[in-house]
N, C-alpha and C. Protein backbone atom coordinates (compact mmCIF):
# COMPACT_ATOMS: atom_id res chain seq x y z
N MET A 1 185.18 88.50 60.24
CA MET A 1 183.99 89.45 60.52
C MET A 1 184.62 90.45 61.30
N ALA A 2 183.97 91.69 61.32
CA ALA A 2 184.23 92.99 62.11
C ALA A 2 183.91 92.74 63.62
N ASP A 3 184.69 93.24 64.60
CA ASP A 3 184.36 93.19 65.98
C ASP A 3 183.25 94.09 66.38
N ARG A 4 182.93 95.04 65.52
CA ARG A 4 181.89 96.10 65.76
C ARG A 4 181.17 96.35 64.60
N ILE A 5 179.99 96.53 65.12
CA ILE A 5 178.82 96.87 63.95
C ILE A 5 178.35 98.18 64.22
N PRO A 6 178.48 99.18 63.26
CA PRO A 6 177.93 100.57 63.48
C PRO A 6 176.17 100.63 63.43
N SER A 7 175.73 101.49 63.86
CA SER A 7 174.20 101.53 64.13
C SER A 7 173.66 102.06 62.90
N ASP A 8 174.54 102.38 61.74
CA ASP A 8 174.00 102.80 60.52
C ASP A 8 174.45 101.53 59.57
N HIS A 9 174.74 100.56 60.02
CA HIS A 9 175.17 99.30 59.20
C HIS A 9 173.80 98.82 58.49
N ALA A 10 174.08 98.26 57.41
CA ALA A 10 172.72 97.70 56.68
C ALA A 10 172.13 96.59 57.34
N SER A 11 172.76 95.82 58.15
CA SER A 11 172.23 94.75 59.13
C SER A 11 171.53 95.14 60.01
N VAL A 12 171.51 96.53 60.49
CA VAL A 12 170.93 97.02 61.72
C VAL A 12 169.64 97.94 61.29
N ARG A 13 168.54 97.36 61.72
CA ARG A 13 167.30 98.17 61.46
C ARG A 13 166.98 99.13 62.58
N THR A 14 166.70 100.14 62.31
CA THR A 14 166.40 101.35 63.31
C THR A 14 164.95 101.85 63.21
N GLU A 15 164.29 101.71 64.49
CA GLU A 15 162.94 102.20 64.56
C GLU A 15 162.88 103.45 65.77
N ARG A 16 161.92 104.09 65.81
CA ARG A 16 161.86 105.14 66.80
C ARG A 16 161.01 104.69 68.05
N ALA A 17 161.32 104.76 69.23
CA ALA A 17 160.59 104.45 70.38
C ALA A 17 160.45 105.84 71.20
N GLU A 18 159.44 105.75 72.04
CA GLU A 18 159.16 106.90 72.83
C GLU A 18 159.14 106.64 74.26
N VAL A 19 159.67 107.79 74.94
CA VAL A 19 159.69 107.57 76.53
C VAL A 19 158.18 107.73 76.79
N ALA A 20 157.90 106.98 77.87
CA ALA A 20 156.45 107.03 78.41
C ALA A 20 156.58 106.95 79.93
N ARG A 21 155.48 106.98 80.73
CA ARG A 21 155.42 106.74 82.10
C ARG A 21 155.21 105.40 82.35
N SER A 22 155.71 104.91 83.40
CA SER A 22 155.49 103.45 83.87
C SER A 22 154.30 103.42 84.80
N GLY A 23 153.05 103.15 84.26
CA GLY A 23 151.93 102.89 84.97
C GLY A 23 151.51 104.33 85.59
N GLY A 24 151.09 104.30 87.00
CA GLY A 24 151.08 105.40 87.82
C GLY A 24 152.18 105.97 88.27
N THR A 25 153.43 105.53 88.11
CA THR A 25 154.55 106.18 88.73
C THR A 25 155.11 107.25 87.90
N SER A 26 156.11 107.89 88.49
CA SER A 26 156.70 108.81 87.60
C SER A 26 157.95 108.39 86.90
N ARG A 27 158.29 107.08 87.17
CA ARG A 27 159.32 106.37 86.53
C ARG A 27 159.22 106.34 84.94
N PRO A 28 160.31 106.61 84.14
CA PRO A 28 160.14 106.43 82.85
C PRO A 28 160.35 105.05 82.30
N CYS A 29 159.60 104.60 81.12
CA CYS A 29 159.85 103.43 80.54
C CYS A 29 159.84 103.91 79.01
N LEU A 30 159.79 102.60 78.21
CA LEU A 30 159.93 102.74 76.82
C LEU A 30 158.92 102.16 76.08
N HIS A 31 158.16 103.05 75.26
CA HIS A 31 157.11 102.54 74.38
C HIS A 31 157.63 102.09 73.17
N LEU A 32 157.51 100.91 72.76
CA LEU A 32 158.43 100.35 71.56
C LEU A 32 157.44 100.30 70.11
N PRO A 33 158.05 100.55 69.11
CA PRO A 33 157.27 100.68 67.77
C PRO A 33 156.80 99.29 67.50
N GLY A 34 155.52 99.07 66.85
CA GLY A 34 154.95 97.79 66.70
C GLY A 34 155.85 96.95 65.50
N ASP A 35 156.71 97.55 64.79
CA ASP A 35 157.24 96.98 63.65
C ASP A 35 158.62 96.09 64.16
N LEU A 36 158.93 96.14 65.45
CA LEU A 36 160.00 95.18 65.90
C LEU A 36 159.53 93.79 65.96
N ASP A 37 160.40 92.84 65.85
CA ASP A 37 159.91 91.45 65.98
C ASP A 37 160.17 91.18 67.40
N LEU A 38 159.08 91.28 68.14
CA LEU A 38 159.01 91.04 69.70
C LEU A 38 157.65 90.23 70.08
N ASP A 39 157.95 89.59 71.12
CA ASP A 39 156.84 88.71 71.61
C ASP A 39 156.59 89.25 73.12
N ALA A 40 155.35 89.40 73.61
CA ALA A 40 155.15 89.66 74.94
C ALA A 40 155.53 88.59 75.95
N GLY A 41 156.46 88.92 77.02
CA GLY A 41 156.97 88.12 77.96
C GLY A 41 158.35 87.58 77.51
N ALA A 42 158.92 88.06 76.31
CA ALA A 42 160.16 87.63 75.79
C ALA A 42 161.21 88.47 76.63
N PHE A 43 162.37 87.64 76.82
CA PHE A 43 163.55 88.59 77.41
C PHE A 43 164.46 88.88 76.28
N VAL A 44 164.81 90.09 76.28
CA VAL A 44 165.84 90.55 75.24
C VAL A 44 167.04 91.11 75.68
N ARG A 45 168.21 91.19 75.04
CA ARG A 45 169.39 91.99 75.56
C ARG A 45 169.30 93.32 75.06
N LEU A 46 169.64 94.35 75.78
CA LEU A 46 169.42 95.81 75.61
C LEU A 46 170.70 96.52 75.77
N VAL A 47 171.43 97.03 74.81
CA VAL A 47 172.66 97.63 74.63
C VAL A 47 172.44 99.00 74.87
N MET A 48 172.97 99.61 75.94
CA MET A 48 172.99 101.07 76.15
C MET A 48 174.44 101.58 76.62
N ASP A 49 174.95 102.71 75.70
CA ASP A 49 176.39 103.06 75.97
C ASP A 49 177.45 101.97 76.18
N GLY A 50 177.25 100.97 75.29
CA GLY A 50 178.33 99.92 75.13
C GLY A 50 178.19 98.73 76.28
N ASP A 51 177.17 98.89 77.10
CA ASP A 51 176.87 97.80 78.05
C ASP A 51 175.72 97.23 77.83
N GLU A 52 175.73 95.81 78.02
CA GLU A 52 174.54 95.05 77.72
C GLU A 52 173.74 94.53 79.00
N TYR A 53 172.47 94.84 78.91
CA TYR A 53 171.59 94.38 80.03
C TYR A 53 170.44 93.58 79.56
N HIS A 54 169.49 93.03 80.45
CA HIS A 54 168.50 92.10 80.15
C HIS A 54 167.28 92.80 80.35
N ALA A 55 166.22 92.65 79.46
CA ALA A 55 164.91 93.30 79.68
C ALA A 55 163.74 92.29 79.40
N GLU A 56 162.62 92.59 79.96
CA GLU A 56 161.41 91.82 79.56
C GLU A 56 160.52 92.71 78.73
N VAL A 57 160.12 92.20 77.79
CA VAL A 57 159.10 92.83 76.73
C VAL A 57 157.62 92.68 77.43
N ARG A 58 157.13 93.70 77.84
CA ARG A 58 155.87 93.69 78.44
C ARG A 58 154.70 94.24 77.31
N GLU A 59 153.62 93.49 77.40
CA GLU A 59 152.45 93.84 76.45
C GLU A 59 151.82 95.25 77.15
N HIS A 60 151.29 95.98 76.29
CA HIS A 60 150.52 97.19 76.66
C HIS A 60 149.37 97.28 75.66
N ARG A 61 148.43 98.09 76.01
CA ARG A 61 147.25 98.24 75.32
C ARG A 61 147.60 98.91 73.85
N SER A 62 148.66 99.66 73.74
CA SER A 62 149.01 100.22 72.63
C SER A 62 150.31 99.74 71.94
N GLY A 63 150.80 98.58 72.30
CA GLY A 63 151.76 97.87 71.71
C GLY A 63 152.73 97.19 73.14
N PHE A 64 154.00 97.33 72.81
CA PHE A 64 154.93 96.73 73.92
C PHE A 64 155.69 97.99 74.61
N LEU A 65 156.11 97.52 75.76
CA LEU A 65 156.87 98.34 76.67
C LEU A 65 158.16 97.52 77.25
N LEU A 66 159.15 98.49 77.58
CA LEU A 66 160.41 98.06 78.40
C LEU A 66 160.16 98.74 79.54
N ARG A 67 159.89 98.26 80.70
CA ARG A 67 159.85 98.98 81.87
C ARG A 67 161.27 99.13 82.58
N GLY A 68 162.17 98.18 82.27
CA GLY A 68 163.54 98.23 82.87
C GLY A 68 164.43 97.42 82.03
N ALA A 69 165.77 97.69 82.54
CA ALA A 69 166.94 96.73 82.11
C ALA A 69 167.81 96.60 83.22
N TYR A 70 168.22 95.31 83.23
CA TYR A 70 168.88 94.79 84.51
C TYR A 70 170.37 94.09 84.23
N ASP A 71 171.16 94.08 85.07
CA ASP A 71 172.46 93.44 84.85
C ASP A 71 172.29 91.87 84.64
N LEU A 72 171.39 91.23 85.26
CA LEU A 72 171.09 89.79 85.10
C LEU A 72 169.86 89.54 84.66
N LYS A 73 169.80 88.63 83.89
CA LYS A 73 168.48 88.07 83.48
C LYS A 73 167.57 87.58 84.69
N SER A 74 168.03 87.08 85.70
CA SER A 74 167.20 86.66 86.89
C SER A 74 166.62 87.99 87.44
N GLU A 75 167.40 89.09 87.36
CA GLU A 75 166.91 90.38 87.91
C GLU A 75 165.74 90.97 86.99
N ALA A 76 165.77 90.72 85.66
CA ALA A 76 164.86 91.14 84.90
C ALA A 76 163.58 90.29 85.25
N ARG A 77 163.71 89.07 85.51
CA ARG A 77 162.51 88.18 85.74
C ARG A 77 161.92 88.65 87.08
N ASP A 78 162.58 89.23 88.09
CA ASP A 78 162.11 89.59 89.33
C ASP A 78 162.88 90.71 89.74
N PRO A 79 162.55 91.93 89.36
CA PRO A 79 163.31 93.33 89.46
C PRO A 79 163.49 93.47 90.93
N GLY A 80 162.54 93.29 91.88
CA GLY A 80 162.58 93.59 93.16
C GLY A 80 163.43 94.93 93.60
N ARG A 81 164.68 94.78 94.09
CA ARG A 81 165.57 95.71 94.37
C ARG A 81 166.53 95.85 93.58
N ALA A 82 166.56 95.33 92.45
CA ALA A 82 167.58 95.52 91.39
C ALA A 82 167.78 96.91 90.77
N GLU A 83 168.96 97.25 90.44
CA GLU A 83 169.11 98.57 89.77
C GLU A 83 168.48 98.61 88.25
N ASN A 84 167.59 99.63 87.96
CA ASN A 84 166.97 99.76 86.79
C ASN A 84 167.88 100.48 85.83
N ARG A 85 168.59 99.90 85.04
CA ARG A 85 169.65 100.61 84.28
C ARG A 85 168.81 101.26 83.07
N LEU A 86 167.62 100.98 82.64
CA LEU A 86 167.00 101.79 81.66
C LEU A 86 166.61 103.10 82.10
N VAL A 87 166.10 103.21 83.38
CA VAL A 87 165.61 104.31 84.08
C VAL A 87 166.85 105.30 84.20
N GLU A 88 168.00 104.72 84.63
CA GLU A 88 169.25 105.46 84.79
C GLU A 88 169.69 105.91 83.52
N TRP A 89 169.69 105.17 82.33
CA TRP A 89 169.96 105.85 81.05
C TRP A 89 169.18 106.88 80.62
N LEU A 90 167.83 106.75 80.76
CA LEU A 90 166.90 107.73 80.26
C LEU A 90 167.07 109.19 81.15
N GLN A 91 167.33 108.94 82.39
CA GLN A 91 167.64 110.15 83.10
C GLN A 91 168.87 110.88 83.04
N ALA A 92 169.93 109.97 82.49
CA ALA A 92 171.29 110.64 82.22
C ALA A 92 171.14 111.19 80.89
N GLN A 93 170.38 110.79 79.92
CA GLN A 93 170.08 111.51 78.68
C GLN A 93 169.31 112.53 78.69
N ASN A 94 168.51 112.80 79.87
CA ASN A 94 167.49 113.86 80.08
C ASN A 94 166.34 113.51 79.16
N ARG A 95 165.80 112.31 79.10
CA ARG A 95 164.81 111.96 78.35
C ARG A 95 163.57 111.93 79.29
N GLU A 96 162.57 112.82 78.75
CA GLU A 96 161.31 112.89 79.32
C GLU A 96 160.11 112.20 78.71
N PRO A 97 158.99 111.88 79.25
CA PRO A 97 157.76 111.25 78.64
C PRO A 97 157.55 112.01 77.28
N GLY A 98 157.31 111.32 76.21
CA GLY A 98 157.13 111.96 74.88
C GLY A 98 158.37 112.16 74.09
N ASP A 99 159.58 112.15 74.70
CA ASP A 99 160.71 112.32 73.86
C ASP A 99 161.06 110.96 73.13
N PRO A 100 161.77 111.03 71.90
CA PRO A 100 162.26 109.93 71.27
C PRO A 100 163.40 109.52 71.58
N VAL A 101 163.76 108.19 71.27
CA VAL A 101 164.84 107.48 71.24
C VAL A 101 165.12 106.47 70.21
N GLU A 102 166.30 106.13 69.68
CA GLU A 102 166.19 105.23 68.49
C GLU A 102 166.50 103.86 69.13
N ILE A 103 165.91 102.88 68.48
CA ILE A 103 165.97 101.47 69.12
C ILE A 103 166.55 100.75 67.84
N ASP A 104 167.78 100.15 67.88
CA ASP A 104 168.31 99.64 66.85
C ASP A 104 168.08 98.00 67.02
N GLU A 105 167.62 97.35 66.17
CA GLU A 105 167.36 95.89 65.90
C GLU A 105 168.68 95.22 65.51
N ILE A 106 169.55 94.80 66.55
CA ILE A 106 170.88 94.15 66.04
C ILE A 106 170.63 92.88 65.72
N GLU A 107 169.77 92.01 66.67
CA GLU A 107 169.44 90.55 66.28
C GLU A 107 167.96 90.47 66.55
N ALA A 108 167.06 90.27 65.57
CA ALA A 108 165.70 90.34 65.64
C ALA A 108 165.10 89.23 66.77
N GLY A 109 164.47 89.93 67.66
CA GLY A 109 163.87 89.08 68.74
C GLY A 109 164.90 88.99 70.05
N GLU A 110 166.02 89.23 69.90
CA GLU A 110 167.15 88.90 70.80
C GLU A 110 167.87 90.09 71.49
N ARG A 111 168.41 90.98 70.45
CA ARG A 111 169.25 91.92 70.98
C ARG A 111 168.98 93.31 70.31
N TYR A 112 168.95 94.38 71.13
CA TYR A 112 168.56 95.70 70.62
C TYR A 112 169.43 96.73 71.32
N GLY A 113 169.58 97.87 70.82
CA GLY A 113 170.30 98.93 71.19
C GLY A 113 169.52 100.18 71.17
N LEU A 114 169.88 100.95 72.35
CA LEU A 114 169.15 102.40 72.35
C LEU A 114 170.21 103.32 72.20
N ARG A 115 169.91 104.52 71.64
CA ARG A 115 170.73 105.76 71.34
C ARG A 115 169.83 106.86 71.24
N LEU A 116 170.37 108.15 71.37
CA LEU A 116 169.66 109.30 71.09
C LEU A 116 169.48 109.58 69.58
N PRO A 117 168.31 110.09 69.16
CA PRO A 117 168.41 110.32 67.58
C PRO A 117 169.36 111.11 67.21
N GLY A 118 169.82 110.68 66.06
CA GLY A 118 170.95 111.43 65.23
C GLY A 118 172.33 111.08 65.70
N GLU A 119 172.44 110.37 66.91
CA GLU A 119 173.84 109.64 67.24
C GLU A 119 174.12 108.54 66.52
N ARG A 120 175.36 108.27 66.46
CA ARG A 120 175.82 106.95 65.81
C ARG A 120 176.55 106.23 66.93
N THR A 121 176.48 104.89 67.00
CA THR A 121 177.11 104.28 68.00
C THR A 121 177.50 102.89 67.37
N PHE A 122 178.31 102.05 68.20
CA PHE A 122 178.73 100.78 67.58
C PHE A 122 178.42 99.64 68.49
N TYR A 123 178.16 98.46 68.01
CA TYR A 123 177.66 97.38 68.78
C TYR A 123 178.65 96.25 68.64
N ARG A 124 178.93 95.55 69.76
CA ARG A 124 179.82 94.38 69.67
C ARG A 124 179.11 93.36 68.70
N ASP A 125 179.93 92.83 67.81
CA ASP A 125 179.27 91.83 66.91
C ASP A 125 179.45 90.41 67.70
N ALA A 126 178.19 89.89 68.09
CA ALA A 126 178.25 88.74 68.87
C ALA A 126 177.68 87.39 67.78
N SER A 127 177.81 87.55 66.62
CA SER A 127 177.39 86.65 65.69
C SER A 127 178.35 85.52 65.54
N GLY A 128 179.63 85.83 65.60
CA GLY A 128 180.59 84.78 65.57
C GLY A 128 180.83 83.95 66.64
N PRO A 129 181.78 82.99 66.57
CA PRO A 129 182.09 82.09 67.68
C PRO A 129 182.26 82.69 69.09
N GLY A 130 182.98 84.01 69.14
CA GLY A 130 183.32 84.56 70.33
C GLY A 130 181.97 84.92 71.05
N GLY A 131 180.81 85.39 70.20
CA GLY A 131 179.57 85.63 70.81
C GLY A 131 178.91 84.50 71.43
N SER A 132 179.01 83.23 70.62
CA SER A 132 178.36 81.94 70.98
C SER A 132 179.01 81.54 72.30
N LEU A 133 180.37 81.62 72.42
CA LEU A 133 181.06 81.24 73.68
C LEU A 133 180.77 82.02 74.94
N GLN A 134 180.58 83.25 74.55
CA GLN A 134 180.09 84.28 75.72
C GLN A 134 178.58 83.96 76.04
N ASP A 135 177.70 83.50 75.09
CA ASP A 135 176.40 82.99 75.66
C ASP A 135 176.56 81.72 76.42
N ILE A 136 177.25 80.91 76.11
CA ILE A 136 177.47 79.61 76.97
C ILE A 136 177.83 79.77 78.29
N ALA A 137 178.92 80.63 78.32
CA ALA A 137 179.45 81.11 79.51
C ALA A 137 178.40 81.88 80.37
N SER A 138 177.56 82.79 79.65
CA SER A 138 176.64 83.44 80.68
C SER A 138 175.55 82.32 80.91
N ASP A 139 175.11 81.45 80.20
CA ASP A 139 174.20 80.45 80.65
C ASP A 139 174.62 79.61 81.81
N LEU A 140 175.96 79.23 81.88
CA LEU A 140 176.58 78.47 82.85
C LEU A 140 176.54 79.38 84.24
N ASP A 141 176.81 80.56 84.17
CA ASP A 141 176.69 81.43 85.22
C ASP A 141 175.25 81.60 85.65
N GLY A 142 174.40 81.28 85.07
CA GLY A 142 173.10 81.51 85.52
C GLY A 142 172.55 82.95 85.12
N ASP A 143 173.25 83.68 84.04
CA ASP A 143 172.70 84.76 83.76
C ASP A 143 171.68 84.70 82.75
């Protein structure tokens, strides 16, 4: 099996998400399309520029939101003073509220990737034994 999967591969479903404001703050968040296989309160892995983070799916009156992405799953549960990698990525990409981003469904309900519209990227294939062993190691580390 291939080590990397391109964002335009037949197994990857792509939807359009929109940058929004997080509540009354000026921090950006991501409004997700309703067609994704997500549940409120679920934790997903989010790939941005090749790095994988943890994010909690939040319910919103118009669907679902991602307010942040964090290095560790424990930080996604309780963000406190953790670095919000989603905000950093959106700012580095010069994304403002109302701007689109592509969200790739790599593993439904589990793993998603973000990229700018029109860009092609590659995701690490975690479906084989290497991915499973990585998940076990992460679980043992408390991630």
